Amino acid sequence: MSMDQDSLLSAFLDGQVDPDQKRRAESAVASDPAAAEALHAFAAIRDLVAGLSRPPAPDVSASVLSRLAADAARPRPWKTWGPYVGRGLGAAGIAASVALVVVLGGQTRSWRLVEPPRVASTLVVPVPAPVSTVATPSARTEVVATAQPKPVGPAPISTPAPAVTVVESRVAQRDDPPGFREFWATAGPRRDFAVTPDAGESTTATVATLVGQSTHRDFYKIVVPTGANGVPGDEAAVAFAATLDPNEFMTLQRRLESHFGKRVEERDADPEVSALLADVGQATSSPATPAADVLVPQTGELALRVRSGSPVSSRPEPAEASKRSDKGRTSPARPEDAPAAPATADPTRPSLVLIWIVGPAPR
């Protein structure tokens, strides 16, 4: 048993505990035999003390009251209060004099501190400041404006300033594929084709397949957003751009003519078209998938003709097989009226080929 627990049990017997202390005392008595025994001992002591006899205290109130009444009825001479009154008045006068000196001295000191210094009455003419484009109100104007009464009524509603709209350029920071910007700086001949789509085929997928099979480099598919190409109808335009070696260009040209026929047209290079695709076109890069041409001759023999630039085989074809293959080739020959390469183009350098799919609904 600790002193805290003894105090808790004693207060519990006297009923001087709060609900929390009452629960603690009951829990201790229920779980601890020593606490239960102590509680019984305290209860026995309380009962013994309550049973003791107490003699009554003497009543002295009557004698005290009689003495107070006799003292109040006794007459007192005035001369007894004289010295005390004189001393009190003297002390009060001295205190009042001291307070008056302190107050007057403090006020005099404050007046001396507040008094401004005296200066010679000399008229000082201020130098005019340079004229500013922004009008600055003078001190007189500010005082008059402050002295005027404030208008009574609801405060005027201030007109919000017009929001400043930042117009961003249509050519935003784009995530172009690697080498797309450098592609347009390639030195070499420019060859442009225009393909008219057919409603019964996926022209975009066909052109992508032919370009991928005719080159060994990655090529780009470029989509010009709606409204940026200036074509009537505001339809989105699709183009393919690739860098081809001379023999790869001939292979692609033959494949385009074989598949699209009169729907493919070779055009002169247009610098504005290149600038449009480079600036606003959304480009994606595609890997090359070079493939060889399979030609079936009339004699029934199977001949595999490999174009230069294709990684399938680098073994040259015999002259006789080439002649037989040319006789059995089903692809049409290049039209004689097709435009020739530019005179300034170097036929040994790679060509930058651009295939533009024109029409209202390219796919």
Protein backbone atom coordinates (compact mmCIF):
# COMPACT_ATOMS: atom_id res chain seq x y z
CA MET A 1 0.00 0.00 0.00
CA SER A 2 1.29 3.43 -0.98
CA MET A 3 0.45 6.79 0.49
CA ASP A 4 -1.43 7.80 -2.66
CA GLN A 5 -3.61 4.70 -2.43
CA ASP A 6 -4.24 5.30 1.31
CA SER A 7 -5.28 8.88 0.57
CA LEU A 8 -7.55 7.66 -2.25
CA LEU A 9 -9.26 5.09 0.00
CA SER A 10 -9.68 7.60 2.84
CA ALA A 11 -11.24 10.16 0.48
CA PHE A 12 -13.42 7.38 -0.95
CA LEU A 13 -14.81 6.65 2.55
CA ASP A 14 -15.51 10.36 3.10
CA GLY A 15 -17.24 10.71 -0.30
CA GLN A 16 -14.75 13.36 -1.48
CA VAL A 17 -13.77 11.79 -4.81
CA ASP A 18 -14.76 12.44 -8.44
CA PRO A 19 -16.18 9.69 -10.69
CA ASP A 20 -12.76 8.76 -12.07
CA GLN A 21 -11.22 8.42 -8.58
CA LYS A 22 -14.26 6.47 -7.43
CA ARG A 23 -13.79 3.93 -10.25
CA ARG A 24 -10.08 3.63 -9.41
CA ALA A 25 -10.81 3.00 -5.70
CA GLU A 26 -13.48 0.38 -6.45
CA SER A 27 -11.18 -1.36 -8.94
CA ALA A 28 -8.31 -1.41 -6.40
CA VAL A 29 -10.53 -2.84 -3.64
CA ALA A 30 -11.91 -5.51 -6.01
CA SER A 31 -8.53 -6.63 -7.36
CA ASP A 32 -6.13 -6.08 -4.42
CA PRO A 33 -6.77 -7.87 -1.08
CA ALA A 34 -4.42 -5.46 0.71
CA ALA A 35 -6.48 -2.51 -0.51
CA ALA A 36 -9.69 -4.19 0.63
CA GLU A 37 -8.21 -4.83 4.09
CA ALA A 38 -7.00 -1.22 4.34
CA LEU A 39 -10.47 0.02 3.40
CA HIS A 40 -12.04 -2.07 6.17
CA ALA A 41 -9.47 -0.74 8.69
CA PHE A 42 -10.24 2.85 7.68
CA ALA A 43 -13.95 2.18 8.04
CA ALA A 44 -13.44 0.75 11.54
CA ILE A 45 -11.38 3.76 12.62
CA ARG A 46 -14.05 6.10 11.23
CA ASP A 47 -16.73 4.32 13.23
CA LEU A 48 -14.66 4.43 16.43
CA VAL A 49 -13.97 8.14 16.07
CA ALA A 50 -17.64 8.82 15.39
CA GLY A 51 -18.57 6.99 18.62
CA LEU A 52 -16.31 9.07 20.90
CA SER A 53 -18.00 11.58 23.26
CA ARG A 54 -17.29 15.29 22.73
CA PRO A 55 -17.85 17.83 25.57
CA PRO A 56 -19.75 20.94 24.45
CA ALA A 57 -17.70 24.12 23.98
CA PRO A 58 -18.39 27.01 26.40
CA ASP A 59 -20.66 29.76 25.06
CA VAL A 60 -18.79 33.11 25.37
CA SER A 61 -20.89 35.07 22.92
CA ALA A 62 -22.98 36.81 25.61
CA SER A 63 -19.97 38.20 27.54
CA VAL A 64 -18.29 39.40 24.33
CA LEU A 65 -21.37 41.25 23.16
CA SER A 66 -21.85 42.94 26.55
CA ARG A 67 -18.26 44.18 26.63
CA LEU A 68 -18.58 45.62 23.12
CA ALA A 69 -21.77 47.46 24.07
CA ALA A 70 -20.21 48.96 27.22
CA ASP A 71 -17.16 50.15 25.32
CA ALA A 72 -19.31 51.83 22.66
CA ALA A 73 -21.41 53.67 25.28
CA ARG A 74 -18.40 55.16 27.09
CA PRO A 75 -18.02 58.99 26.39
CA ARG A 76 -14.68 60.15 24.85
CA PRO A 77 -13.22 63.72 25.22
CA TRP A 78 -12.38 65.86 22.08
CA LYS A 79 -8.90 66.67 23.25
CA THR A 80 -7.92 63.12 22.76
CA TRP A 81 -8.36 63.46 18.94
CA GLY A 82 -6.55 66.82 18.64
CA PRO A 83 -2.94 65.67 18.22
CA TYR A 84 -3.92 62.92 15.81
CA VAL A 85 -5.98 65.27 13.62
CA GLY A 86 -3.21 67.88 13.54
CA ARG A 87 -0.64 65.33 12.61
CA GLY A 88 -2.85 63.99 9.83
CA LEU A 89 -3.51 67.42 8.36
CA GLY A 90 0.20 68.28 8.44
CA ALA A 91 1.15 65.10 6.67
CA ALA A 92 -1.56 65.68 4.06
CA GLY A 93 -0.32 69.22 3.37
CA ILE A 94 3.25 68.07 2.91
CA ALA A 95 2.15 65.33 0.51
CA ALA A 96 0.05 67.79 -1.52
CA SER A 97 2.99 70.23 -1.80
CA VAL A 98 5.33 67.50 -3.03
CA ALA A 99 2.77 66.32 -5.61
CA LEU A 100 2.27 69.87 -6.90
CA VAL A 101 6.00 70.38 -7.37
CA VAL A 102 6.36 67.09 -9.22
CA VAL A 103 3.43 67.81 -11.56
CA LEU A 104 4.48 71.36 -12.39
CA GLY A 105 8.08 70.29 -12.96
CA GLY A 106 7.04 67.54 -15.35
CA GLN A 107 4.78 69.86 -17.37
CA THR A 108 7.51 72.49 -17.67
CA ARG A 109 9.95 69.87 -18.92
CA SER A 110 7.46 68.56 -21.46
CA TRP A 111 6.77 72.09 -22.74
CA ARG A 112 10.48 72.64 -23.25
CA LEU A 113 10.80 69.38 -25.17
CA VAL A 114 7.83 70.09 -27.45
CA GLU A 115 8.79 73.68 -28.23
CA PRO A 116 10.31 73.76 -31.75
CA PRO A 117 13.75 75.30 -32.21
CA ARG A 118 13.82 78.91 -33.22
CA VAL A 119 15.41 79.64 -36.59
CA ALA A 120 16.03 82.78 -38.52
CA SER A 121 13.07 83.91 -40.60
CA THR A 122 14.69 83.46 -43.98
CA LEU A 123 12.53 82.77 -47.04
CA VAL A 124 13.76 79.66 -48.82
CA VAL A 125 12.60 79.27 -52.43
CA PRO A 126 12.57 75.58 -53.44
CA VAL A 127 14.17 74.63 -56.72
CA PRO A 128 11.47 73.40 -59.14
CA ALA A 129 11.79 69.71 -59.88
CA PRO A 130 11.91 68.50 -63.48
CA VAL A 131 8.56 68.03 -65.11
CA SER A 132 7.45 64.39 -64.96
CA THR A 133 4.93 62.67 -67.19
CA VAL A 134 3.12 61.36 -64.08
CA ALA A 135 1.32 64.07 -62.14
CA THR A 136 2.20 64.11 -58.42
CA PRO A 137 -0.36 65.81 -56.12
CA SER A 138 1.02 68.57 -53.91
CA ALA A 139 0.78 68.74 -50.12
CA ARG A 140 -2.01 71.33 -50.38
CA THR A 141 -4.01 69.10 -52.65
CA GLU A 142 -3.57 66.16 -50.27
CA VAL A 143 -4.70 68.24 -47.24
CA VAL A 144 -7.80 69.51 -49.04
CA ALA A 145 -8.68 66.03 -50.23
CA THR A 146 -8.35 64.70 -46.70
CA ALA A 147 -10.45 67.47 -45.19
CA GLN A 148 -13.37 66.88 -47.56
CA PRO A 149 -16.16 64.72 -46.12
CA LYS A 150 -16.42 61.20 -47.40
CA PRO A 151 -19.34 60.55 -49.74
CA VAL A 152 -22.32 58.85 -48.17
CA GLY A 153 -23.61 55.78 -49.97
CA PRO A 154 -22.39 52.50 -51.36
CA ALA A 155 -18.81 52.40 -52.51
CA PRO A 156 -18.40 52.64 -56.29
CA ILE A 157 -17.86 49.34 -58.03
CA SER A 158 -14.43 49.35 -59.58
CA THR A 159 -14.23 48.13 -63.15
CA PRO A 160 -11.79 45.22 -63.36
CA ALA A 161 -8.89 45.69 -65.67
CA PRO A 162 -9.09 43.65 -68.88
CA ALA A 163 -7.33 40.34 -68.60
CA VAL A 164 -4.10 40.14 -70.50
CA THR A 165 -4.27 37.16 -72.80
CA VAL A 166 -0.96 35.75 -73.84
CA VAL A 167 -1.31 34.40 -77.36
CA GLU A 168 1.07 31.55 -77.82
CA SER A 169 2.46 30.77 -81.18
CA ARG A 170 0.98 27.83 -82.99
CA VAL A 171 4.48 26.47 -83.36
CA ALA A 172 4.95 25.28 -79.77
CA GLN A 173 7.73 23.23 -78.33
CA ARG A 174 7.21 19.85 -79.96
CA ASP A 175 8.68 16.48 -79.30
CA ASP A 176 10.09 15.80 -82.76
CA PRO A 177 11.62 12.41 -83.49
CA PRO A 178 15.43 12.22 -83.60
CA GLY A 179 16.95 13.64 -86.77
CA PHE A 180 13.75 15.31 -87.99
CA ARG A 181 15.16 18.85 -87.95
CA GLU A 182 18.44 17.74 -89.51
CA PHE A 183 16.50 15.90 -92.22
CA TRP A 184 15.42 19.13 -93.93
CA ALA A 185 19.03 20.37 -94.06
CA THR A 186 20.15 17.35 -96.11
CA ALA A 187 22.11 18.43 -99.17
CA GLY A 188 21.00 16.67 -102.32
CA PRO A 189 18.30 16.57 -105.01
CA ARG A 190 14.68 17.14 -104.05
CA ARG A 191 12.02 14.84 -105.52
CA ASP A 192 8.34 15.48 -104.79
CA PHE A 193 5.41 13.18 -105.56
CA ALA A 194 1.67 13.74 -105.21
CA VAL A 195 -0.61 10.73 -104.73
CA THR A 196 -4.37 10.98 -105.13
CA PRO A 197 -6.12 8.63 -102.67
CA ASP A 198 -8.78 6.14 -103.63
CA ALA A 199 -11.86 5.59 -101.49
CA GLY A 200 -11.48 1.84 -101.71
CA GLU A 201 -7.98 1.55 -100.22
CA SER A 202 -5.85 2.82 -97.36
CA THR A 203 -3.58 5.12 -99.34
CA THR A 204 -1.58 6.24 -96.31
CA ALA A 205 -0.75 2.69 -95.23
CA THR A 206 0.15 1.68 -98.81
CA VAL A 207 2.55 4.60 -99.28
CA ALA A 208 4.15 3.87 -95.89
CA THR A 209 4.72 0.24 -96.91
CA LEU A 210 6.25 1.17 -100.28
CA VAL A 211 8.57 3.77 -98.75
CA GLY A 212 9.69 1.39 -96.00
CA GLN A 213 10.46 -1.38 -98.51
CA SER A 214 12.46 0.95 -100.80
CA THR A 215 14.94 2.47 -98.31
CA HIS A 216 17.36 1.31 -95.66
CA ARG A 217 16.96 4.45 -93.50
CA ASP A 218 14.24 5.50 -91.11
CA PHE A 219 11.57 7.66 -92.74
CA TYR A 220 8.98 10.10 -91.38
CA LYS A 221 5.22 10.35 -91.54
CA ILE A 222 4.11 13.99 -91.24
CA VAL A 223 0.55 15.09 -90.48
CA VAL A 224 -0.37 18.74 -91.01
CA PRO A 225 -3.16 19.72 -88.55
CA THR A 226 -6.56 20.79 -89.81
CA GLY A 227 -6.63 24.43 -90.89
CA ALA A 228 -2.85 24.78 -91.19
CA ASN A 229 -2.45 23.67 -94.80
CA GLY A 230 -4.79 26.15 -96.43
CA VAL A 231 -6.46 23.44 -98.55
CA PRO A 232 -10.16 24.10 -99.24
CA GLY A 233 -12.25 22.12 -96.82
CA ASP A 234 -9.67 22.42 -94.03
CA GLU A 235 -8.84 18.74 -94.18
CA ALA A 236 -5.72 17.36 -92.52
CA ALA A 237 -2.93 16.46 -94.94
CA VAL A 238 -0.46 13.58 -94.74
CA ALA A 239 3.02 13.39 -96.25
CA PHE A 240 5.96 10.98 -96.12
CA ALA A 241 9.59 12.12 -96.22
CA ALA A 242 12.63 9.91 -96.70
CA THR A 243 16.26 10.06 -97.79
CA LEU A 244 16.97 7.60 -100.63
CA ASP A 245 20.06 6.66 -102.57
CA PRO A 246 19.81 6.94 -106.39
CA ASN A 247 19.03 3.25 -106.89
CA GLU A 248 16.56 3.31 -103.96
CA PHE A 249 14.81 6.29 -105.54
CA MET A 250 14.42 4.43 -108.83
CA THR A 251 12.97 1.44 -106.98
CA LEU A 252 10.45 3.63 -105.10
CA GLN A 253 9.52 5.48 -108.28
CA ARG A 254 8.82 2.22 -110.12
CA ARG A 255 6.77 0.84 -107.22
CA LEU A 256 4.65 3.98 -106.95
CA GLU A 257 3.93 3.96 -110.67
CA SER A 258 3.17 0.23 -110.60
CA HIS A 259 0.70 0.51 -107.72
CA PHE A 260 -1.00 3.87 -108.24
CA GLY A 261 -0.65 4.31 -112.01
CA LYS A 262 -1.97 7.69 -113.09
CA ARG A 263 -2.84 8.65 -109.51
CA VAL A 264 0.82 9.42 -108.78
CA GLU A 265 2.44 12.53 -110.19
CA GLU A 266 5.98 13.82 -109.86
CA ARG A 267 6.09 17.54 -109.19
CA ASP A 268 8.67 20.27 -108.83
CA ALA A 269 10.06 20.82 -105.35
CA ASP A 270 8.24 23.59 -103.46
CA PRO A 271 10.24 25.28 -100.64
CA GLU A 272 7.00 26.54 -99.02
CA VAL A 273 5.73 22.98 -98.64
CA SER A 274 8.96 21.95 -96.92
CA ALA A 275 8.77 24.93 -94.56
CA LEU A 276 5.13 24.10 -93.74
CA LEU A 277 5.92 20.50 -92.89
CA ALA A 278 8.99 21.42 -90.85
CA ASP A 279 7.17 24.09 -88.82
CA VAL A 280 3.67 22.77 -88.08
CA GLY A 281 3.81 19.13 -89.10
CA GLN A 282 3.43 16.43 -86.45
CA ALA A 283 6.11 13.90 -87.34
CA THR A 284 6.54 10.26 -86.35
CA SER A 285 9.50 8.08 -87.27
CA SER A 286 9.15 4.61 -88.80
CA PRO A 287 11.89 2.01 -89.37
CA ALA A 288 12.78 0.81 -92.84
CA THR A 289 11.78 -2.70 -93.95
CA PRO A 290 13.68 -3.16 -97.24
CA ALA A 291 12.40 -5.88 -99.54
CA ALA A 292 13.40 -7.18 -102.98
CA ASP A 293 11.27 -7.37 -106.11
CA VAL A 294 10.14 -10.87 -107.06
CA LEU A 295 9.82 -11.13 -110.86
CA VAL A 296 8.29 -14.13 -112.66
CA PRO A 297 9.65 -14.56 -116.24
CA GLN A 298 7.58 -16.02 -119.05
CA THR A 299 9.86 -19.07 -119.35
CA GLY A 300 8.60 -20.39 -116.00
CA GLU A 301 11.93 -19.91 -114.22
CA LEU A 302 11.86 -17.99 -110.96
CA ALA A 303 14.30 -15.05 -110.88
CA LEU A 304 15.04 -12.94 -107.82
CA ARG A 305 16.08 -9.44 -108.72
CA VAL A 306 17.66 -7.49 -105.88
CA ARG A 307 17.76 -3.72 -106.03
CA SER A 308 20.82 -1.91 -104.78
CA GLY A 309 20.41 -0.64 -101.24
CA SER A 310 18.45 -3.69 -100.06
CA PRO A 311 20.26 -5.82 -97.42
CA VAL A 312 18.80 -9.10 -98.75
CA SER A 313 21.70 -9.88 -101.08
CA SER A 314 24.63 -8.04 -102.63
CA ARG A 315 25.41 -10.67 -105.34
CA PRO A 316 25.11 -9.21 -108.86
CA GLU A 317 22.53 -10.70 -111.20
CA PRO A 318 23.74 -12.35 -114.42
CA ALA A 319 23.15 -10.39 -117.57
CA GLU A 320 21.08 -13.12 -119.24
CA ALA A 321 18.77 -13.52 -116.25
CA SER A 322 18.37 -9.75 -116.16
CA LYS A 323 17.31 -9.69 -119.79
CA ARG A 324 14.80 -12.50 -119.26
CA SER A 325 13.46 -10.80 -116.17
CA ASP A 326 13.04 -7.51 -117.99
CA LYS A 327 11.02 -9.26 -120.67
CA GLY A 328 8.66 -10.78 -118.12
CA ARG A 329 8.34 -7.72 -115.84
CA THR A 330 4.70 -6.77 -115.38
CA SER A 331 5.26 -3.25 -114.01
CA PRO A 332 4.80 -0.50 -116.60
CA ALA A 333 7.77 1.44 -117.84
CA ARG A 334 8.44 4.99 -116.76
CA PRO A 335 6.49 7.44 -118.94
CA GLU A 336 8.63 9.32 -121.39
CA ASP A 337 6.98 12.63 -120.51
CA ALA A 338 7.85 12.35 -116.79
CA PRO A 339 9.85 15.35 -115.48
CA ALA A 340 13.56 14.77 -115.34
CA ALA A 341 15.74 15.37 -112.34
CA PRO A 342 16.90 18.93 -111.75
CA ALA A 343 19.95 19.91 -113.73
CA THR A 344 21.82 21.03 -110.62
CA ALA A 345 21.17 17.75 -108.74
CA ASP A 346 24.03 15.37 -108.24
CA PRO A 347 22.80 11.88 -109.27
CA THR A 348 25.35 10.22 -106.99
CA ARG A 349 24.08 11.90 -103.81
CA PRO A 350 21.04 10.79 -101.75
CA SER A 351 17.75 12.39 -102.67
CA LEU A 352 15.27 13.93 -100.27
CA VAL A 353 11.95 12.44 -101.38
CA LEU A 354 8.62 13.92 -100.30
CA ILE A 355 5.36 12.08 -101.06
CA TRP A 356 2.31 14.25 -100.50
CA ILE A 357 -1.10 12.57 -100.27
CA VAL A 358 -3.61 15.05 -101.70
CA GLY A 359 -7.37 14.74 -101.49
CA PRO A 360 -10.26 15.39 -99.12
CA ALA A 361 -9.93 12.24 -97.02
CA PRO A 362 -6.49 10.62 -96.98
CA ARG A 363 -6.27 7.40 -94.96
